[in-house]
């Protein structure tokens, strides 16, 4: 699960406000300007302002941390990590810096290193929802699904209204072959956020594995109402139609998928061949 802009403001600034107040006046003004640009999504301007804050006060740990998150948002993971390192060198008690550095490592697929930082963040704050969810996502990428589920369980315990966490736990259950549990999680996610096409697609995939093709088709239909240009969902729906021996419907979905994403064409050509020979 990704660290979002909203997470940045909710996690970083309340915890760091006291630190920012320790800046020299010039650094404080530059930092405040950086925050203003950061909130407005003007990341390059924010970085320039944080640069000035750091130049005015080289021990401004909060400025390094804030600049790191701006670099991370721009996809400059190396620069972000350097800033997080410096923030932690200046203040080893910055729990948020461990979290954001872990997220940077995870985006660079340095998963074991990311886990160490997530562990440290959780050790320092055992109610750190985003850290549990993000660590769970890393465990899932490493196919350690039981550990992922344990972290998602904690995330849900701390915030039972987060649809994304139910969706993520559903994926982990699915990978473990626990399709009924996956469907339960996807259903809860849909209840909390009925506008996410991926969750309908995910639930449809589990319904397909359970052999509940009609329910799967309903979910794929709903997903396509929300995202009518998603080639993957057309391909998935086509596969279910093929299993129901609906040759024409399968062909239409496969062709639409290939139109939307030509890279799928070769893979779907074989499916089209099968669809052409399957009896209605």
C-alpha atoms as a PDB file:
ATOM      1  CA  UNK A   1       0.000   0.000   0.000  1.00  0.00           C
ATOM      2  CA  UNK A   2       1.327   3.314  -1.021  1.00  0.00           C
ATOM      3  CA  UNK A   3       2.112   6.307   1.122  1.00  0.00           C
ATOM      4  CA  UNK A   4      -0.210   9.009  -0.132  1.00  0.00           C
ATOM      5  CA  UNK A   5      -0.266  12.752   0.119  1.00  0.00           C
ATOM      6  CA  UNK A   6      -2.987  12.548   2.761  1.00  0.00           C
ATOM      7  CA  UNK A   7      -0.896  10.130   4.813  1.00  0.00           C
ATOM      8  CA  UNK A   8       2.008  12.549   4.649  1.00  0.00           C
ATOM      9  CA  UNK A   9       0.066  15.367   6.241  1.00  0.00           C
ATOM     10  CA  UNK A  10      -1.597  13.166   8.858  1.00  0.00           C
ATOM     11  CA  UNK A  11       1.553  11.282   9.829  1.00  0.00           C
ATOM     12  CA  UNK A  12       4.345  13.761   9.359  1.00  0.00           C
ATOM     13  CA  UNK A  13       3.285  17.225  10.354  1.00  0.00           C
ATOM     14  CA  UNK A  14       1.491  16.626  13.669  1.00  0.00           C
ATOM     15  CA  UNK A  15       4.463  14.632  14.913  1.00  0.00           C
ATOM     16  CA  UNK A  16       7.018  17.104  13.576  1.00  0.00           C
ATOM     17  CA  UNK A  17       5.431  20.448  14.420  1.00  0.00           C
ATOM     18  CA  UNK A  18       7.396  20.757  17.634  1.00  0.00           C
ATOM     19  CA  UNK A  19      10.655  20.097  15.791  1.00  0.00           C
ATOM     20  CA  UNK A  20       9.922  22.758  13.170  1.00  0.00           C
ATOM     21  CA  UNK A  21       9.455  25.304  15.935  1.00  0.00           C
ATOM     22  CA  UNK A  22      13.089  24.812  16.911  1.00  0.00           C
ATOM     23  CA  UNK A  23      14.324  26.195  13.582  1.00  0.00           C
ATOM     24  CA  UNK A  24      16.130  29.494  13.288  1.00  0.00           C
ATOM     25  CA  UNK A  25      13.758  32.214  12.055  1.00  0.00           C
ATOM     26  CA  UNK A  26      15.090  32.210   8.482  1.00  0.00           C
ATOM     27  CA  UNK A  27      14.907  28.431   8.314  1.00  0.00           C
ATOM     28  CA  UNK A  28      11.407  28.456   9.781  1.00  0.00           C
ATOM     29  CA  UNK A  29      10.142  30.850   7.117  1.00  0.00           C
ATOM     30  CA  UNK A  30      11.653  28.762   4.328  1.00  0.00           C
ATOM     31  CA  UNK A  31      10.271  25.564   5.855  1.00  0.00           C
ATOM     32  CA  UNK A  32       6.780  27.062   6.071  1.00  0.00           C
ATOM     33  CA  UNK A  33       7.030  28.094   2.431  1.00  0.00           C
ATOM     34  CA  UNK A  34       8.064  24.554   1.542  1.00  0.00           C
ATOM     35  CA  UNK A  35       5.070  23.139   3.386  1.00  0.00           C
ATOM     36  CA  UNK A  36       2.755  25.495   1.503  1.00  0.00           C
ATOM     37  CA  UNK A  37       4.151  24.405  -1.868  1.00  0.00           C
ATOM     38  CA  UNK A  38       4.169  20.758  -0.779  1.00  0.00           C
ATOM     39  CA  UNK A  39       0.476  20.826   0.117  1.00  0.00           C
ATOM     40  CA  UNK A  40      -0.290  22.460  -3.236  1.00  0.00           C
ATOM     41  CA  UNK A  41       1.556  19.689  -5.071  1.00  0.00           C
ATOM     42  CA  UNK A  42       4.294  22.047  -6.251  1.00  0.00           C
ATOM     43  CA  UNK A  43       7.053  19.649  -5.336  1.00  0.00           C
ATOM     44  CA  UNK A  44      10.000  21.295  -7.081  1.00  0.00           C
ATOM     45  CA  UNK A  45       9.163  24.611  -5.448  1.00  0.00           C
ATOM     46  CA  UNK A  46       8.806  22.812  -2.121  1.00  0.00           C
ATOM     47  CA  UNK A  47      12.242  21.236  -2.518  1.00  0.00           C
ATOM     48  CA  UNK A  48      13.785  24.621  -3.308  1.00  0.00           C
ATOM     49  CA  UNK A  49      12.247  26.063  -0.144  1.00  0.00           C
ATOM     50  CA  UNK A  50      13.423  23.117   1.955  1.00  0.00           C
ATOM     51  CA  UNK A  51      16.894  23.640   0.460  1.00  0.00           C
ATOM     52  CA  UNK A  52      16.861  27.172   1.822  1.00  0.00           C
ATOM     53  CA  UNK A  53      15.679  25.962   5.215  1.00  0.00           C
ATOM     54  CA  UNK A  54      18.539  23.465   5.380  1.00  0.00           C
ATOM     55  CA  UNK A  55      21.061  26.066   4.242  1.00  0.00           C
ATOM     56  CA  UNK A  56      19.873  28.356   7.043  1.00  0.00           C
ATOM     57  CA  UNK A  57      19.870  25.563   9.630  1.00  0.00           C
ATOM     58  CA  UNK A  58      21.867  22.458   8.760  1.00  0.00           C
ATOM     59  CA  UNK A  59      20.429  20.637  11.784  1.00  0.00           C
ATOM     60  CA  UNK A  60      16.814  21.028  10.677  1.00  0.00           C
ATOM     61  CA  UNK A  61      15.874  17.350  10.716  1.00  0.00           C
ATOM     62  CA  UNK A  62      12.259  18.080   9.821  1.00  0.00           C
ATOM     63  CA  UNK A  63      13.348  19.894   6.661  1.00  0.00           C
ATOM     64  CA  UNK A  64      15.383  16.882   5.534  1.00  0.00           C
ATOM     65  CA  UNK A  65      12.429  14.615   6.211  1.00  0.00           C
ATOM     66  CA  UNK A  66       9.993  16.863   4.365  1.00  0.00           C
ATOM     67  CA  UNK A  67      12.364  17.253   1.415  1.00  0.00           C
ATOM     68  CA  UNK A  68      12.784  13.499   1.310  1.00  0.00           C
ATOM     69  CA  UNK A  69       9.051  12.971   0.954  1.00  0.00           C
ATOM     70  CA  UNK A  70       8.962  15.510  -1.876  1.00  0.00           C
ATOM     71  CA  UNK A  71      11.783  13.699  -3.678  1.00  0.00           C
ATOM     72  CA  UNK A  72       9.986  10.401  -3.143  1.00  0.00           C
ATOM     73  CA  UNK A  73       6.811  11.810  -4.652  1.00  0.00           C
ATOM     74  CA  UNK A  74       8.849  12.773  -7.731  1.00  0.00           C
ATOM     75  CA  UNK A  75      10.196   9.231  -7.959  1.00  0.00           C
ATOM     76  CA  UNK A  76      13.713  10.253  -6.921  1.00  0.00           C
ATOM     77  CA  UNK A  77      14.152   7.426  -4.443  1.00  0.00           C
ATOM     78  CA  UNK A  78      17.915   7.763  -4.009  1.00  0.00           C
ATOM     79  CA  UNK A  79      17.690  11.434  -3.056  1.00  0.00           C
ATOM     80  CA  UNK A  80      14.755  10.699  -0.768  1.00  0.00           C
ATOM     81  CA  UNK A  81      16.686   7.989   1.049  1.00  0.00           C
ATOM     82  CA  UNK A  82      19.680  10.284   1.519  1.00  0.00           C
ATOM     83  CA  UNK A  83      17.436  12.872   3.147  1.00  0.00           C
ATOM     84  CA  UNK A  84      15.823  10.304   5.428  1.00  0.00           C
ATOM     85  CA  UNK A  85      19.285   9.085   6.433  1.00  0.00           C
ATOM     86  CA  UNK A  86      20.327  12.610   7.336  1.00  0.00           C
ATOM     87  CA  UNK A  87      17.104  13.275   9.232  1.00  0.00           C
ATOM     88  CA  UNK A  88      17.709  10.155  11.317  1.00  0.00           C
ATOM     89  CA  UNK A  89      21.360  11.019  11.869  1.00  0.00           C
ATOM     90  CA  UNK A  90      20.260  14.366  13.277  1.00  0.00           C
ATOM     91  CA  UNK A  91      17.378  12.878  15.241  1.00  0.00           C
ATOM     92  CA  UNK A  92      17.296   9.068  15.637  1.00  0.00           C
ATOM     93  CA  UNK A  93      13.903   9.316  17.344  1.00  0.00           C
ATOM     94  CA  UNK A  94      12.024  10.393  14.210  1.00  0.00           C
ATOM     95  CA  UNK A  95       9.582   7.510  13.903  1.00  0.00           C
ATOM     96  CA  UNK A  96       8.136   8.936  10.687  1.00  0.00           C
ATOM     97  CA  UNK A  97      11.564   8.953   9.044  1.00  0.00           C
ATOM     98  CA  UNK A  98      11.860   5.180   9.517  1.00  0.00           C
ATOM     99  CA  UNK A  99       8.451   4.769   7.916  1.00  0.00           C
ATOM    100  CA  UNK A 100       9.172   6.959   4.903  1.00  0.00           C
ATOM    101  CA  UNK A 101      12.629   5.473   4.396  1.00  0.00           C
ATOM    102  CA  UNK A 102      11.054   2.020   4.468  1.00  0.00           C
ATOM    103  CA  UNK A 103       8.574   3.134   1.827  1.00  0.00           C
ATOM    104  CA  UNK A 104      11.420   4.418  -0.343  1.00  0.00           C
ATOM    105  CA  UNK A 105      13.273   1.113   0.000  1.00  0.00           C
ATOM    106  CA  UNK A 106      10.097  -0.797  -0.831  1.00  0.00           C
ATOM    107  CA  UNK A 107       9.557   1.271  -3.996  1.00  0.00           C
ATOM    108  CA  UNK A 108      13.118   0.341  -4.988  1.00  0.00           C
ATOM    109  CA  UNK A 109      12.287  -3.335  -4.312  1.00  0.00           C
ATOM    110  CA  UNK A 110      14.788  -3.468  -1.445  1.00  0.00           C
ATOM    111  CA  UNK A 111      12.232  -5.357   0.583  1.00  0.00           C
ATOM    112  CA  UNK A 112      14.376  -6.783   3.375  1.00  0.00           C
ATOM    113  CA  UNK A 113      15.830  -3.367   4.134  1.00  0.00           C
ATOM    114  CA  UNK A 114      12.342  -1.885   4.022  1.00  0.00           C
ATOM    115  CA  UNK A 115      11.110  -4.461   6.528  1.00  0.00           C
ATOM    116  CA  UNK A 116      13.795  -3.458   9.020  1.00  0.00           C
ATOM    117  CA  UNK A 117      12.665   0.156   8.907  1.00  0.00           C
ATOM    118  CA  UNK A 118       8.988  -0.746   9.144  1.00  0.00           C
ATOM    119  CA  UNK A 119       9.859  -2.927  12.143  1.00  0.00           C
ATOM    120  CA  UNK A 120      11.597   0.021  13.781  1.00  0.00           C
ATOM    121  CA  UNK A 121       8.689   2.367  13.088  1.00  0.00           C
ATOM    122  CA  UNK A 122       6.221  -0.102  14.607  1.00  0.00           C
ATOM    123  CA  UNK A 123       8.523  -0.746  17.562  1.00  0.00           C
ATOM    124  CA  UNK A 124       8.467   2.975  18.295  1.00  0.00           C
ATOM    125  CA  UNK A 125       4.737   3.368  17.650  1.00  0.00           C
ATOM    126  CA  UNK A 126       2.683   0.192  17.961  1.00  0.00           C
ATOM    127  CA  UNK A 127      -0.422   1.985  16.685  1.00  0.00           C
ATOM    128  CA  UNK A 128       1.187   3.141  13.438  1.00  0.00           C
ATOM    129  CA  UNK A 129      -1.554   2.045  11.038  1.00  0.00           C
ATOM    130  CA  UNK A 130       0.230   2.948   7.812  1.00  0.00           C
ATOM    131  CA  UNK A 131       3.357   1.091   8.903  1.00  0.00           C
ATOM    132  CA  UNK A 132       1.406  -2.123   9.549  1.00  0.00           C
ATOM    133  CA  UNK A 133      -0.387  -1.880   6.206  1.00  0.00           C
ATOM    134  CA  UNK A 134       2.767  -1.023   4.276  1.00  0.00           C
ATOM    135  CA  UNK A 135       4.746  -3.802   5.935  1.00  0.00           C
ATOM    136  CA  UNK A 136       1.904  -6.171   5.116  1.00  0.00           C
ATOM    137  CA  UNK A 137       2.163  -5.162   1.465  1.00  0.00           C
ATOM    138  CA  UNK A 138       5.892  -5.913   1.492  1.00  0.00           C
ATOM    139  CA  UNK A 139       5.285  -9.327   3.048  1.00  0.00           C
ATOM    140  CA  UNK A 140       2.720  -9.992   0.309  1.00  0.00           C
ATOM    141  CA  UNK A 141       5.276  -9.094  -2.376  1.00  0.00           C
ATOM    142  CA  UNK A 142       7.620 -11.601  -0.739  1.00  0.00           C
ATOM    143  CA  UNK A 143       4.831 -14.235  -0.809  1.00  0.00           C
ATOM    144  CA  UNK A 144       4.811 -14.315   2.993  1.00  0.00           C
ATOM    145  CA  UNK A 145       1.045 -14.147   3.058  1.00  0.00           C
ATOM    146  CA  UNK A 146       0.430 -15.263   6.635  1.00  0.00           C
ATOM    147  CA  UNK A 147       2.637 -12.428   7.889  1.00  0.00           C
ATOM    148  CA  UNK A 148       0.918 -10.047   5.503  1.00  0.00           C
ATOM    149  CA  UNK A 149      -2.481 -11.036   6.860  1.00  0.00           C
ATOM    150  CA  UNK A 150      -1.285 -10.554  10.445  1.00  0.00           C
ATOM    151  CA  UNK A 151      -0.262  -6.988   9.604  1.00  0.00           C
ATOM    152  CA  UNK A 152      -3.484  -6.277   7.728  1.00  0.00           C
ATOM    153  CA  UNK A 153      -5.383  -7.626  10.733  1.00  0.00           C
ATOM    154  CA  UNK A 154      -3.655  -5.018  12.882  1.00  0.00           C
ATOM    155  CA  UNK A 155      -4.372  -2.320  10.336  1.00  0.00           C
ATOM    156  CA  UNK A 156      -8.062  -3.239  10.336  1.00  0.00           C
ATOM    157  CA  UNK A 157      -8.156  -3.423  14.127  1.00  0.00           C
ATOM    158  CA  UNK A 158      -6.756   0.108  14.329  1.00  0.00           C
ATOM    159  CA  UNK A 159      -8.899   1.428  11.469  1.00  0.00           C
ATOM    160  CA  UNK A 160     -11.844  -0.829  10.530  1.00  0.00           C
ATOM    161  CA  UNK A 161     -13.107   1.674   7.954  1.00  0.00           C
ATOM    162  CA  UNK A 162     -10.216   1.451   5.491  1.00  0.00           C
ATOM    163  CA  UNK A 163     -11.416  -0.282   2.331  1.00  0.00           C
ATOM    164  CA  UNK A 164      -7.905  -0.669   0.900  1.00  0.00           C
ATOM    165  CA  UNK A 165      -6.765  -2.818   3.819  1.00  0.00           C
ATOM    166  CA  UNK A 166      -9.664  -5.236   3.380  1.00  0.00           C
ATOM    167  CA  UNK A 167      -8.853  -5.403  -0.328  1.00  0.00           C
ATOM    168  CA  UNK A 168      -5.186  -6.114   0.411  1.00  0.00           C
ATOM    169  CA  UNK A 169      -6.063  -8.802   2.948  1.00  0.00           C
ATOM    170  CA  UNK A 170      -8.451 -10.318   0.432  1.00  0.00           C
ATOM    171  CA  UNK A 171      -5.616 -10.628  -2.081  1.00  0.00           C
ATOM    172  CA  UNK A 172      -3.472 -12.373   0.532  1.00  0.00           C
ATOM    173  CA  UNK A 173      -6.297 -14.798   1.353  1.00  0.00           C
ATOM    174  CA  UNK A 174      -6.747 -15.487  -2.346  1.00  0.00           C
ATOM    175  CA  UNK A 175      -3.071 -16.278  -2.800  1.00  0.00           C
ATOM    176  CA  UNK A 176      -3.375 -18.756   0.074  1.00  0.00           C
ATOM    177  CA  UNK A 177      -6.314 -20.409  -1.680  1.00  0.00           C
ATOM    178  CA  UNK A 178      -8.828 -19.151   0.891  1.00  0.00           C
ATOM    179  CA  UNK A 179     -11.332 -17.859  -1.620  1.00  0.00           C
ATOM    180  CA  UNK A 180     -14.326 -17.615   0.715  1.00  0.00           C
ATOM    181  CA  UNK A 181     -12.352 -15.429   3.107  1.00  0.00           C
ATOM    182  CA  UNK A 182     -11.134 -13.387   0.162  1.00  0.00           C
ATOM    183  CA  UNK A 183     -14.711 -12.799  -1.002  1.00  0.00           C
ATOM    184  CA  UNK A 184     -15.680 -11.692   2.507  1.00  0.00           C
ATOM    185  CA  UNK A 185     -12.868  -9.149   2.558  1.00  0.00           C
ATOM    186  CA  UNK A 186     -13.635  -7.845  -0.915  1.00  0.00           C
ATOM    187  CA  UNK A 187     -17.308  -7.522   0.006  1.00  0.00           C
ATOM    188  CA  UNK A 188     -16.409  -5.455   3.064  1.00  0.00           C
ATOM    189  CA  UNK A 189     -14.108  -3.299   0.946  1.00  0.00           C
ATOM    190  CA  UNK A 190     -16.910  -2.717  -1.563  1.00  0.00           C
ATOM    191  CA  UNK A 191     -19.295  -1.803   1.235  1.00  0.00           C
ATOM    192  CA  UNK A 192     -16.817   0.847   2.396  1.00  0.00           C
ATOM    193  CA  UNK A 193     -15.887   2.012  -1.104  1.00  0.00           C
ATOM    194  CA  UNK A 194     -18.283   0.927  -3.864  1.00  0.00           C
ATOM    195  CA  UNK A 195     -16.448   2.965  -6.510  1.00  0.00           C
ATOM    196  CA  UNK A 196     -13.229   0.953  -6.815  1.00  0.00           C
ATOM    197  CA  UNK A 197     -13.282  -1.189  -9.986  1.00  0.00           C
ATOM    198  CA  UNK A 198     -10.243  -3.207  -8.889  1.00  0.00           C
ATOM    199  CA  UNK A 199     -12.077  -4.581  -5.862  1.00  0.00           C
ATOM    200  CA  UNK A 200     -14.956  -5.811  -8.015  1.00  0.00           C
ATOM    201  CA  UNK A 201     -12.400  -7.388 -10.350  1.00  0.00           C
ATOM    202  CA  UNK A 202     -10.645  -9.033  -7.418  1.00  0.00           C
ATOM    203  CA  UNK A 203     -13.872 -10.408  -5.990  1.00  0.00           C
ATOM    204  CA  UNK A 204     -14.843 -11.675  -9.428  1.00  0.00           C
ATOM    205  CA  UNK A 205     -11.520 -13.510  -9.674  1.00  0.00           C
ATOM    206  CA  UNK A 206     -12.198 -15.303  -6.395  1.00  0.00           C
ATOM    207  CA  UNK A 207     -15.774 -16.079  -7.420  1.00  0.00           C
ATOM    208  CA  UNK A 208     -14.371 -17.585 -10.606  1.00  0.00           C
ATOM    209  CA  UNK A 209     -12.017 -19.800  -8.614  1.00  0.00           C
ATOM    210  CA  UNK A 210     -15.016 -20.906  -6.551  1.00  0.00           C
ATOM    211  CA  UNK A 211     -16.853 -21.808  -9.757  1.00  0.00           C
ATOM    212  CA  UNK A 212     -19.477 -19.111  -9.174  1.00  0.00           C
ATOM    213  CA  UNK A 213     -19.369 -17.806 -12.719  1.00  0.00           C
ATOM    214  CA  UNK A 214     -22.625 -15.849 -12.716  1.00  0.00           C
ATOM    215  CA  UNK A 215     -21.548 -13.899  -9.624  1.00  0.00           C
ATOM    216  CA  UNK A 216     -18.148 -13.331 -11.201  1.00  0.00           C
ATOM    217  CA  UNK A 217     -19.723 -11.905 -14.359  1.00  0.00           C
ATOM    218  CA  UNK A 218     -21.846  -9.505 -12.310  1.00  0.00           C
ATOM    219  CA  UNK A 219     -18.718  -8.206 -10.609  1.00  0.00           C
ATOM    220  CA  UNK A 220     -16.803  -7.868 -13.872  1.00  0.00           C
ATOM    221  CA  UNK A 221     -19.772  -5.994 -15.338  1.00  0.00           C
ATOM    222  CA  UNK A 222     -19.781  -3.625 -12.370  1.00  0.00           C
ATOM    223  CA  UNK A 223     -16.027  -3.139 -12.626  1.00  0.00           C
ATOM    224  CA  UNK A 224     -16.349  -2.197 -16.293  1.00  0.00           C
ATOM    225  CA  UNK A 225     -19.111   0.297 -15.518  1.00  0.00           C
ATOM    226  CA  UNK A 226     -16.590   2.043 -13.291  1.00  0.00           C
ATOM    227  CA  UNK A 227     -13.594   1.573 -15.599  1.00  0.00           C
ATOM    228  CA  UNK A 228     -14.630   0.830 -19.150  1.00  0.00           C
ATOM    229  CA  UNK A 229     -11.098   1.036 -20.516  1.00  0.00           C
ATOM    230  CA  UNK A 230      -9.492  -1.648 -18.382  1.00  0.00           C
ATOM    231  CA  UNK A 231      -8.156  -4.333 -20.704  1.00  0.00           C
ATOM    232  CA  UNK A 232      -7.429  -6.748 -17.873  1.00  0.00           C
ATOM    233  CA  UNK A 233     -11.047  -6.807 -16.744  1.00  0.00           C
ATOM    234  CA  UNK A 234     -12.299  -7.453 -20.282  1.00  0.00           C
ATOM    235  CA  UNK A 235      -9.825 -10.323 -20.576  1.00  0.00           C
ATOM    236  CA  UNK A 236     -10.918 -11.776 -17.241  1.00  0.00           C
ATOM    237  CA  UNK A 237     -14.580 -11.547 -18.160  1.00  0.00           C
ATOM    238  CA  UNK A 238     -13.844 -13.165 -21.491  1.00  0.00           C
ATOM    239  CA  UNK A 239     -12.229 -16.112 -19.739  1.00  0.00           C
ATOM    240  CA  UNK A 240     -15.336 -16.671 -17.638  1.00  0.00           C
ATOM    241  CA  UNK A 241     -17.565 -16.467 -20.710  1.00  0.00           C
ATOM    242  CA  UNK A 242     -15.301 -18.979 -22.389  1.00  0.00           C
ATOM    243  CA  UNK A 243     -15.691 -21.351 -19.438  1.00  0.00           C
ATOM    244  CA  UNK A 244     -19.452 -20.940 -19.779  1.00  0.00           C
ATOM    245  CA  UNK A 245     -19.081 -21.879 -23.462  1.00  0.00           C
ATOM    246  CA  UNK A 246     -20.221 -18.413 -24.548  1.00  0.00           C
ATOM    247  CA  UNK A 247     -17.955 -18.260 -27.586  1.00  0.00           C
ATOM    248  CA  UNK A 248     -19.229 -15.023 -29.070  1.00  0.00           C
ATOM    249  CA  UNK A 249     -19.132 -13.171 -25.765  1.00  0.00           C
ATOM    250  CA  UNK A 250     -15.608 -14.382 -25.072  1.00  0.00           C
ATOM    251  CA  UNK A 251     -14.415 -13.316 -28.519  1.00  0.00           C
ATOM    252  CA  UNK A 252     -15.874  -9.843 -28.075  1.00  0.00           C
ATOM    253  CA  UNK A 253     -14.205  -9.372 -24.695  1.00  0.00           C
ATOM    254  CA  UNK A 254     -10.827 -10.658 -25.876  1.00  0.00           C
ATOM    255  CA  UNK A 255     -10.904  -8.388 -28.921  1.00  0.00           C
ATOM    256  CA  UNK A 256     -11.813  -5.401 -26.777  1.00  0.00           C
ATOM    257  CA  UNK A 257      -9.001  -6.219 -24.355  1.00  0.00           C
ATOM    258  CA  UNK A 258      -6.494  -6.421 -27.225  1.00  0.00           C
ATOM    259  CA  UNK A 259      -7.716  -3.090 -28.626  1.00  0.00           C
ATOM    260  CA  UNK A 260      -7.202  -1.395 -25.271  1.00  0.00           C
ATOM    261  CA  UNK A 261      -3.846  -3.038 -24.607  1.00  0.00           C
ATOM    262  CA  UNK A 262      -2.059  -4.322 -27.741  1.00  0.00           C
ATOM    263  CA  UNK A 263       0.601  -5.962 -25.560  1.00  0.00           C
ATOM    264  CA  UNK A 264      -2.047  -8.542 -24.620  1.00  0.00           C
ATOM    265  CA  UNK A 265      -2.718  -9.484 -28.228  1.00  0.00           C
ATOM    266  CA  UNK A 266      -0.337 -12.443 -28.512  1.00  0.00           C
ATOM    267  CA  UNK A 267      -1.518 -13.896 -25.228  1.00  0.00           C
ATOM    268  CA  UNK A 268      -5.159 -13.455 -26.144  1.00  0.00           C
ATOM    269  CA  UNK A 269      -4.785 -14.782 -29.690  1.00  0.00           C
ATOM    270  CA  UNK A 270      -4.507 -18.289 -28.301  1.00  0.00           C
ATOM    271  CA  UNK A 271      -7.631 -17.666 -26.247  1.00  0.00           C
ATOM    272  CA  UNK A 272      -9.426 -16.442 -29.354  1.00  0.00           C
ATOM    273  CA  UNK A 273      -8.449 -19.649 -31.130  1.00  0.00           C
ATOM    274  CA  UNK A 274      -9.923 -21.654 -28.293  1.00  0.00           C
ATOM    275  CA  UNK A 275     -13.031 -19.471 -28.267  1.00  0.00           C
ATOM    276  CA  UNK A 276     -13.516 -20.091 -31.986  1.00  0.00           C
ATOM    277  CA  UNK A 277     -13.602 -23.851 -31.455  1.00  0.00           C
ATOM    278  CA  UNK A 278     -15.639 -24.060 -28.260  1.00  0.00           C
ATOM    279  CA  UNK A 279     -19.254 -24.901 -28.805  1.00  0.00           C
ATOM    280  CA  UNK A 280     -21.920 -22.594 -27.475  1.00  0.00           C
END
